Amino acid sequence: MRKLLLLAIVALLPGCALYDAYMLTGFDPNEYLIITQIRTDAGLYKKQCNNHLLASTNAVAISNKTDLFQNYNEQIPHNENGIKASKSLNEIAQGLANAYIDPKSEPSALFCKLKYNSIENSAVVIQHVVGKRPR
């Protein structure tokens, strides 16, 4: 009886592994497009940090785009890691936007550049992960 049970378990394990592989999130060109846009925008906006008016507008724009990315990721099934990564990226961007929205705050150009570096680096990591998914 034990041998039969052991044989059944051994036979089921590859089936479970195949199911898990099949159920992983596949490549999504829309997800890849949005994260590429965020990465590109962060690189461009970083160069405009010395202009306070542009920096404020750019901070709100990138926070809106990371919010879009988070909302999009939340609806992809079997994408828990993507959801966590998008939330983390959105928190960075929201922190930057909130610094410019707060009337008591006067963010420096260095703060702005560091935040955009952080957004850009996070976007690069997410872009690599999304790009490596099976097509």
N, C-alpha and C. Protein backbone atom coordinates (compact mmCIF):
# COMPACT_ATOMS: atom_id res chain seq x y z
N MET A 1 0.82 -1.18 0.00
CA MET A 1 0.00 0.00 0.00
C MET A 1 0.87 1.26 0.00
N ARG A 2 1.92 1.23 0.81
CA ARG A 2 2.83 2.38 0.87
C ARG A 2 3.53 2.58 -0.47
N LYS A 3 3.91 1.49 -1.12
CA LYS A 3 4.58 1.60 -2.41
C LYS A 3 3.64 2.19 -3.45
N LEU A 4 2.40 1.84 -3.39
CA LEU A 4 1.41 2.37 -4.33
C LEU A 4 1.20 3.86 -4.10
N LEU A 5 1.14 4.26 -2.85
CA LEU A 5 1.00 5.67 -2.51
C LEU A 5 2.22 6.45 -2.96
N LEU A 6 3.40 5.92 -2.72
CA LEU A 6 4.64 6.57 -3.14
C LEU A 6 4.70 6.69 -4.66
N LEU A 7 4.28 5.67 -5.36
CA LEU A 7 4.26 5.69 -6.82
C LEU A 7 3.28 6.75 -7.34
N ALA A 8 2.14 6.89 -6.70
CA ALA A 8 1.16 7.89 -7.10
C ALA A 8 1.69 9.30 -6.89
N ILE A 9 2.38 9.52 -5.78
CA ILE A 9 2.96 10.84 -5.49
C ILE A 9 4.03 11.18 -6.51
N VAL A 10 4.89 10.22 -6.82
CA VAL A 10 5.96 10.44 -7.79
C VAL A 10 5.37 10.74 -9.17
N ALA A 11 4.30 10.09 -9.52
CA ALA A 11 3.66 10.32 -10.82
C ALA A 11 2.99 11.70 -10.88
N LEU A 12 2.50 12.20 -9.76
CA LEU A 12 1.81 13.48 -9.75
C LEU A 12 2.76 14.68 -9.73
N LEU A 13 3.95 14.53 -9.20
CA LEU A 13 4.87 15.66 -9.08
C LEU A 13 5.19 16.33 -10.41
N PRO A 14 5.54 15.58 -11.46
CA PRO A 14 5.79 16.25 -12.73
C PRO A 14 4.55 16.97 -13.26
N GLY A 15 3.39 16.41 -13.01
CA GLY A 15 2.16 17.07 -13.43
C GLY A 15 1.96 18.40 -12.73
N CYS A 16 2.29 18.46 -11.45
CA CYS A 16 2.19 19.71 -10.69
C CYS A 16 3.20 20.73 -11.22
N ALA A 17 4.39 20.28 -11.53
CA ALA A 17 5.42 21.18 -12.05
C ALA A 17 4.99 21.75 -13.40
N LEU A 18 4.41 20.92 -14.24
CA LEU A 18 3.94 21.40 -15.54
C LEU A 18 2.80 22.39 -15.37
N TYR A 19 1.91 22.13 -14.43
CA TYR A 19 0.80 23.05 -14.17
C TYR A 19 1.34 24.40 -13.72
N ASP A 20 2.30 24.39 -12.78
CA ASP A 20 2.88 25.64 -12.30
C ASP A 20 3.56 26.40 -13.43
N ALA A 21 4.29 25.70 -14.27
CA ALA A 21 4.97 26.36 -15.39
C ALA A 21 3.95 26.97 -16.35
N TYR A 22 2.85 26.27 -16.58
CA TYR A 22 1.82 26.76 -17.48
C TYR A 22 1.11 27.97 -16.90
N MET A 23 0.91 27.98 -15.59
CA MET A 23 0.14 29.03 -14.94
C MET A 23 0.96 30.29 -14.64
N LEU A 24 2.26 30.27 -14.91
CA LEU A 24 3.05 31.48 -14.70
C LEU A 24 2.60 32.56 -15.67
N THR A 25 2.79 33.79 -15.28
CA THR A 25 2.42 34.90 -16.14
C THR A 25 3.30 34.90 -17.37
N GLY A 26 2.72 34.98 -18.53
CA GLY A 26 3.47 35.02 -19.78
C GLY A 26 3.85 36.44 -20.16
N PHE A 27 4.56 36.56 -21.25
CA PHE A 27 4.99 37.87 -21.74
C PHE A 27 3.77 38.69 -22.13
N ASP A 28 3.76 39.94 -21.70
CA ASP A 28 2.66 40.86 -22.01
C ASP A 28 3.26 42.11 -22.65
N PRO A 29 3.04 42.33 -23.94
CA PRO A 29 3.65 43.48 -24.60
C PRO A 29 3.17 44.83 -24.04
N ASN A 30 1.95 44.89 -23.54
CA ASN A 30 1.46 46.15 -22.96
C ASN A 30 2.20 46.47 -21.67
N GLU A 31 2.40 45.47 -20.85
CA GLU A 31 3.13 45.65 -19.59
C GLU A 31 4.56 46.11 -19.89
N TYR A 32 5.16 45.47 -20.89
CA TYR A 32 6.54 45.82 -21.28
C TYR A 32 6.59 47.25 -21.82
N LEU A 33 5.59 47.65 -22.59
CA LEU A 33 5.54 49.01 -23.13
C LEU A 33 5.46 50.05 -22.02
N ILE A 34 4.59 49.82 -21.07
CA ILE A 34 4.41 50.80 -19.99
C ILE A 34 5.68 50.95 -19.17
N ILE A 35 6.34 49.84 -18.82
CA ILE A 35 7.55 49.95 -18.00
C ILE A 35 8.69 50.58 -18.81
N THR A 36 8.71 50.34 -20.12
CA THR A 36 9.73 50.99 -20.96
C THR A 36 9.48 52.49 -21.02
N GLN A 37 8.22 52.90 -21.10
CA GLN A 37 7.90 54.32 -21.09
C GLN A 37 8.29 54.98 -19.77
N ILE A 38 8.06 54.29 -18.67
CA ILE A 38 8.43 54.83 -17.36
C ILE A 38 9.94 55.01 -17.28
N ARG A 39 10.67 54.00 -17.74
CA ARG A 39 12.14 54.08 -17.72
C ARG A 39 12.63 55.24 -18.58
N THR A 40 12.08 55.38 -19.77
CA THR A 40 12.48 56.44 -20.69
C THR A 40 12.13 57.82 -20.11
N ASP A 41 10.92 57.95 -19.58
CA ASP A 41 10.50 59.22 -18.99
C ASP A 41 11.40 59.61 -17.82
N ALA A 42 11.74 58.65 -16.98
CA ALA A 42 12.60 58.95 -15.83
C ALA A 42 13.95 59.48 -16.30
N GLY A 43 14.51 58.88 -17.34
CA GLY A 43 15.78 59.35 -17.88
C GLY A 43 15.69 60.75 -18.44
N LEU A 44 14.59 61.05 -19.12
CA LEU A 44 14.42 62.39 -19.69
C LEU A 44 14.12 63.42 -18.61
N TYR A 45 13.24 63.07 -17.69
CA TYR A 45 12.85 64.02 -16.64
C TYR A 45 14.01 64.34 -15.70
N LYS A 46 14.90 63.39 -15.52
CA LYS A 46 16.05 63.60 -14.64
C LYS A 46 16.89 64.78 -15.14
N LYS A 47 16.94 64.97 -16.44
CA LYS A 47 17.73 66.05 -17.04
C LYS A 47 17.08 67.42 -16.84
N GLN A 48 15.81 67.44 -16.44
CA GLN A 48 15.08 68.70 -16.28
C GLN A 48 14.86 69.08 -14.81
N CYS A 49 15.59 68.45 -13.92
CA CYS A 49 15.39 68.70 -12.49
C CYS A 49 15.78 70.11 -12.05
N ASN A 50 16.61 70.79 -12.80
CA ASN A 50 17.03 72.14 -12.42
C ASN A 50 15.93 73.17 -12.64
N ASN A 51 14.96 72.89 -13.47
CA ASN A 51 13.83 73.77 -13.72
C ASN A 51 12.69 73.32 -12.80
N HIS A 52 12.40 74.11 -11.77
CA HIS A 52 11.43 73.70 -10.75
C HIS A 52 10.02 73.49 -11.33
N LEU A 53 9.61 74.34 -12.24
CA LEU A 53 8.27 74.20 -12.83
C LEU A 53 8.15 72.91 -13.64
N LEU A 54 9.15 72.63 -14.47
CA LEU A 54 9.14 71.39 -15.24
C LEU A 54 9.26 70.18 -14.32
N ALA A 55 10.09 70.29 -13.31
CA ALA A 55 10.29 69.17 -12.39
C ALA A 55 8.99 68.82 -11.68
N SER A 56 8.24 69.83 -11.31
CA SER A 56 6.96 69.60 -10.64
C SER A 56 5.97 68.91 -11.58
N THR A 57 5.87 69.40 -12.80
CA THR A 57 4.97 68.81 -13.79
C THR A 57 5.39 67.39 -14.12
N ASN A 58 6.69 67.16 -14.29
CA ASN A 58 7.20 65.83 -14.62
C ASN A 58 6.95 64.84 -13.49
N ALA A 59 7.08 65.31 -12.25
CA ALA A 59 6.87 64.43 -11.10
C ALA A 59 5.44 63.91 -11.06
N VAL A 60 4.50 64.79 -11.35
CA VAL A 60 3.09 64.38 -11.38
C VAL A 60 2.85 63.43 -12.56
N ALA A 61 3.47 63.72 -13.69
CA ALA A 61 3.29 62.87 -14.89
C ALA A 61 3.81 61.46 -14.65
N ILE A 62 4.99 61.34 -14.06
CA ILE A 62 5.55 60.00 -13.85
C ILE A 62 4.79 59.26 -12.75
N SER A 63 4.27 59.99 -11.78
CA SER A 63 3.48 59.32 -10.75
C SER A 63 2.17 58.78 -11.34
N ASN A 64 1.61 59.51 -12.31
CA ASN A 64 0.41 59.01 -12.99
C ASN A 64 0.72 57.76 -13.81
N LYS A 65 1.88 57.75 -14.45
CA LYS A 65 2.23 56.59 -15.28
C LYS A 65 2.54 55.38 -14.42
N THR A 66 3.20 55.56 -13.27
CA THR A 66 3.45 54.41 -12.40
C THR A 66 2.16 53.92 -11.76
N ASP A 67 1.22 54.83 -11.55
CA ASP A 67 -0.10 54.43 -11.05
C ASP A 67 -0.82 53.58 -12.10
N LEU A 68 -0.72 53.97 -13.36
CA LEU A 68 -1.27 53.18 -14.46
C LEU A 68 -0.63 51.79 -14.48
N PHE A 69 0.69 51.75 -14.33
CA PHE A 69 1.41 50.48 -14.36
C PHE A 69 0.97 49.57 -13.21
N GLN A 70 0.80 50.14 -12.03
CA GLN A 70 0.34 49.36 -10.88
C GLN A 70 -1.08 48.84 -11.12
N ASN A 71 -1.97 49.69 -11.58
CA ASN A 71 -3.35 49.26 -11.85
C ASN A 71 -3.39 48.17 -12.91
N TYR A 72 -2.56 48.29 -13.93
CA TYR A 72 -2.52 47.28 -14.99
C TYR A 72 -2.02 45.95 -14.43
N ASN A 73 -0.96 45.98 -13.63
CA ASN A 73 -0.37 44.77 -13.07
C ASN A 73 -1.31 44.04 -12.12
N GLU A 74 -2.13 44.79 -11.42
CA GLU A 74 -3.04 44.17 -10.45
C GLU A 74 -4.07 43.25 -11.11
N GLN A 75 -4.31 43.43 -12.39
CA GLN A 75 -5.33 42.65 -13.08
C GLN A 75 -4.76 41.46 -13.85
N ILE A 76 -3.45 41.28 -13.82
CA ILE A 76 -2.83 40.15 -14.51
C ILE A 76 -2.84 38.96 -13.56
N PRO A 77 -3.47 37.85 -13.95
CA PRO A 77 -3.53 36.69 -13.05
C PRO A 77 -2.15 36.06 -12.84
N HIS A 78 -1.96 35.50 -11.66
CA HIS A 78 -0.72 34.80 -11.28
C HIS A 78 0.49 35.73 -11.41
N ASN A 79 0.38 36.96 -10.95
CA ASN A 79 1.43 37.96 -11.11
C ASN A 79 1.75 38.65 -9.78
N GLU A 80 1.86 37.88 -8.72
CA GLU A 80 2.08 38.46 -7.40
C GLU A 80 3.37 39.27 -7.32
N ASN A 81 4.45 38.76 -7.91
CA ASN A 81 5.72 39.48 -7.88
C ASN A 81 5.64 40.77 -8.68
N GLY A 82 4.93 40.73 -9.80
CA GLY A 82 4.76 41.94 -10.60
C GLY A 82 3.96 43.00 -9.86
N ILE A 83 2.98 42.55 -9.12
CA ILE A 83 2.16 43.48 -8.34
C ILE A 83 3.01 44.15 -7.26
N LYS A 84 3.82 43.36 -6.58
CA LYS A 84 4.70 43.92 -5.54
C LYS A 84 5.68 44.92 -6.12
N ALA A 85 6.28 44.57 -7.26
CA ALA A 85 7.26 45.45 -7.89
C ALA A 85 6.61 46.75 -8.37
N SER A 86 5.41 46.65 -8.94
CA SER A 86 4.74 47.85 -9.42
C SER A 86 4.32 48.76 -8.26
N LYS A 87 3.91 48.17 -7.15
CA LYS A 87 3.56 48.98 -5.98
C LYS A 87 4.79 49.71 -5.43
N SER A 88 5.90 49.01 -5.38
CA SER A 88 7.14 49.63 -4.90
C SER A 88 7.56 50.79 -5.80
N LEU A 89 7.50 50.57 -7.10
CA LEU A 89 7.85 51.62 -8.06
C LEU A 89 6.90 52.81 -7.93
N ASN A 90 5.63 52.52 -7.76
CA ASN A 90 4.64 53.59 -7.61
C ASN A 90 4.87 54.39 -6.33
N GLU A 91 5.27 53.73 -5.27
CA GLU A 91 5.55 54.43 -4.01
C GLU A 91 6.70 55.43 -4.17
N ILE A 92 7.73 55.05 -4.92
CA ILE A 92 8.85 55.95 -5.17
C ILE A 92 8.36 57.19 -5.93
N ALA A 93 7.60 56.95 -6.99
CA ALA A 93 7.11 58.05 -7.82
C ALA A 93 6.13 58.94 -7.05
N GLN A 94 5.27 58.33 -6.24
CA GLN A 94 4.33 59.12 -5.45
C GLN A 94 5.07 59.99 -4.43
N GLY A 95 6.15 59.46 -3.87
CA GLY A 95 6.95 60.25 -2.93
C GLY A 95 7.55 61.47 -3.60
N LEU A 96 8.01 61.31 -4.83
CA LEU A 96 8.55 62.44 -5.58
C LEU A 96 7.45 63.46 -5.87
N ALA A 97 6.31 63.00 -6.35
CA ALA A 97 5.21 63.91 -6.67
C ALA A 97 4.71 64.64 -5.41
N ASN A 98 4.61 63.92 -4.30
CA ASN A 98 4.14 64.54 -3.06
C ASN A 98 5.10 65.62 -2.57
N ALA A 99 6.38 65.43 -2.81
CA ALA A 99 7.36 66.44 -2.41
C ALA A 99 7.13 67.75 -3.18
N TYR A 100 6.72 67.66 -4.42
CA TYR A 100 6.46 68.86 -5.21
C TYR A 100 5.07 69.44 -4.96
N ILE A 101 4.13 68.59 -4.57
CA ILE A 101 2.77 69.06 -4.31
C ILE A 101 2.68 69.80 -2.97
N ASP A 102 3.46 69.35 -1.99
CA ASP A 102 3.45 69.96 -0.65
C ASP A 102 3.94 71.40 -0.73
N PRO A 103 3.10 72.38 -0.36
CA PRO A 103 3.52 73.78 -0.46
C PRO A 103 4.66 74.16 0.50
N LYS A 104 4.84 73.40 1.56
CA LYS A 104 5.91 73.69 2.52
C LYS A 104 7.25 73.12 2.06
N SER A 105 7.21 72.27 1.06
CA SER A 105 8.41 71.59 0.60
C SER A 105 8.99 72.27 -0.63
N GLU A 106 10.29 72.37 -0.68
CA GLU A 106 11.00 72.90 -1.84
C GLU A 106 12.10 71.90 -2.20
N PRO A 107 11.75 70.85 -2.96
CA PRO A 107 12.73 69.80 -3.27
C PRO A 107 13.91 70.35 -4.06
N SER A 108 15.08 69.85 -3.75
CA SER A 108 16.28 70.29 -4.47
C SER A 108 16.42 69.50 -5.77
N ALA A 109 17.26 70.00 -6.64
CA ALA A 109 17.52 69.30 -7.91
C ALA A 109 18.20 67.96 -7.63
N LEU A 110 19.02 67.90 -6.60
CA LEU A 110 19.69 66.64 -6.25
C LEU A 110 18.67 65.60 -5.79
N PHE A 111 17.72 66.01 -4.96
CA PHE A 111 16.66 65.11 -4.53
C PHE A 111 15.89 64.58 -5.74
N CYS A 112 15.56 65.47 -6.65
CA CYS A 112 14.84 65.11 -7.86
C CYS A 112 15.62 64.08 -8.68
N LYS A 113 16.90 64.33 -8.88
CA LYS A 113 17.74 63.42 -9.67
C LYS A 113 17.88 62.06 -9.00
N LEU A 114 18.03 62.06 -7.68
CA LEU A 114 18.14 60.79 -6.96
C LEU A 114 16.85 59.97 -7.06
N LYS A 115 15.71 60.64 -6.96
CA LYS A 115 14.44 59.93 -7.09
C LYS A 115 14.26 59.35 -8.50
N TYR A 116 14.62 60.15 -9.50
CA TYR A 116 14.52 59.64 -10.88
C TYR A 116 15.51 58.50 -11.13
N ASN A 117 16.69 58.58 -10.53
CA ASN A 117 17.64 57.46 -10.63
C ASN A 117 17.03 56.19 -10.04
N SER A 118 16.38 56.34 -8.90
CA SER A 118 15.75 55.20 -8.25
C SER A 118 14.62 54.63 -9.10
N ILE A 119 13.81 55.51 -9.67
CA ILE A 119 12.72 55.07 -10.54
C ILE A 119 13.28 54.36 -11.77
N GLU A 120 14.31 54.95 -12.35
CA GLU A 120 14.92 54.38 -13.55
C GLU A 120 15.54 53.01 -13.27
N ASN A 121 16.25 52.89 -12.15
CA ASN A 121 16.86 51.60 -11.79
C ASN A 121 15.80 50.53 -11.52
N SER A 122 14.74 50.89 -10.83
CA SER A 122 13.66 49.94 -10.58
C SER A 122 12.99 49.52 -11.88
N ALA A 123 12.81 50.47 -12.77
CA ALA A 123 12.18 50.17 -14.06
C ALA A 123 13.05 49.24 -14.89
N VAL A 124 14.38 49.40 -14.82
CA VAL A 124 15.29 48.52 -15.55
C VAL A 124 15.15 47.09 -15.05
N VAL A 125 15.10 46.92 -13.73
CA VAL A 125 14.96 45.58 -13.15
C VAL A 125 13.63 44.96 -13.58
N ILE A 126 12.56 45.72 -13.47
CA ILE A 126 11.24 45.21 -13.85
C ILE A 126 11.22 44.89 -15.34
N GLN A 127 11.84 45.74 -16.13
CA GLN A 127 11.87 45.52 -17.58
C GLN A 127 12.58 44.22 -17.93
N HIS A 128 13.67 43.92 -17.24
CA HIS A 128 14.38 42.66 -17.48
C HIS A 128 13.52 41.46 -17.09
N VAL A 129 12.82 41.56 -15.98
CA VAL A 129 11.97 40.45 -15.53
C VAL A 129 10.82 40.22 -16.51
N VAL A 130 10.16 41.30 -16.91
CA VAL A 130 9.03 41.18 -17.83
C VAL A 130 9.51 40.67 -19.20
N GLY A 131 10.66 41.14 -19.64
CA GLY A 131 11.17 40.75 -20.94
C GLY A 131 11.61 39.29 -21.01
N LYS A 132 11.95 38.69 -19.89
CA LYS A 132 12.41 37.31 -19.87
C LYS A 132 11.28 36.30 -19.76
N ARG A 133 10.05 36.76 -19.64
CA ARG A 133 8.93 35.83 -19.53
C ARG A 133 8.73 35.06 -20.83
N PRO A 134 8.20 33.86 -20.72
CA PRO A 134 7.98 33.06 -21.94
C PRO A 134 6.97 33.72 -22.88
N ARG A 135 7.28 33.64 -24.15
CA ARG A 135 6.41 34.26 -25.16
C ARG A 135 5.57 33.22 -25.83
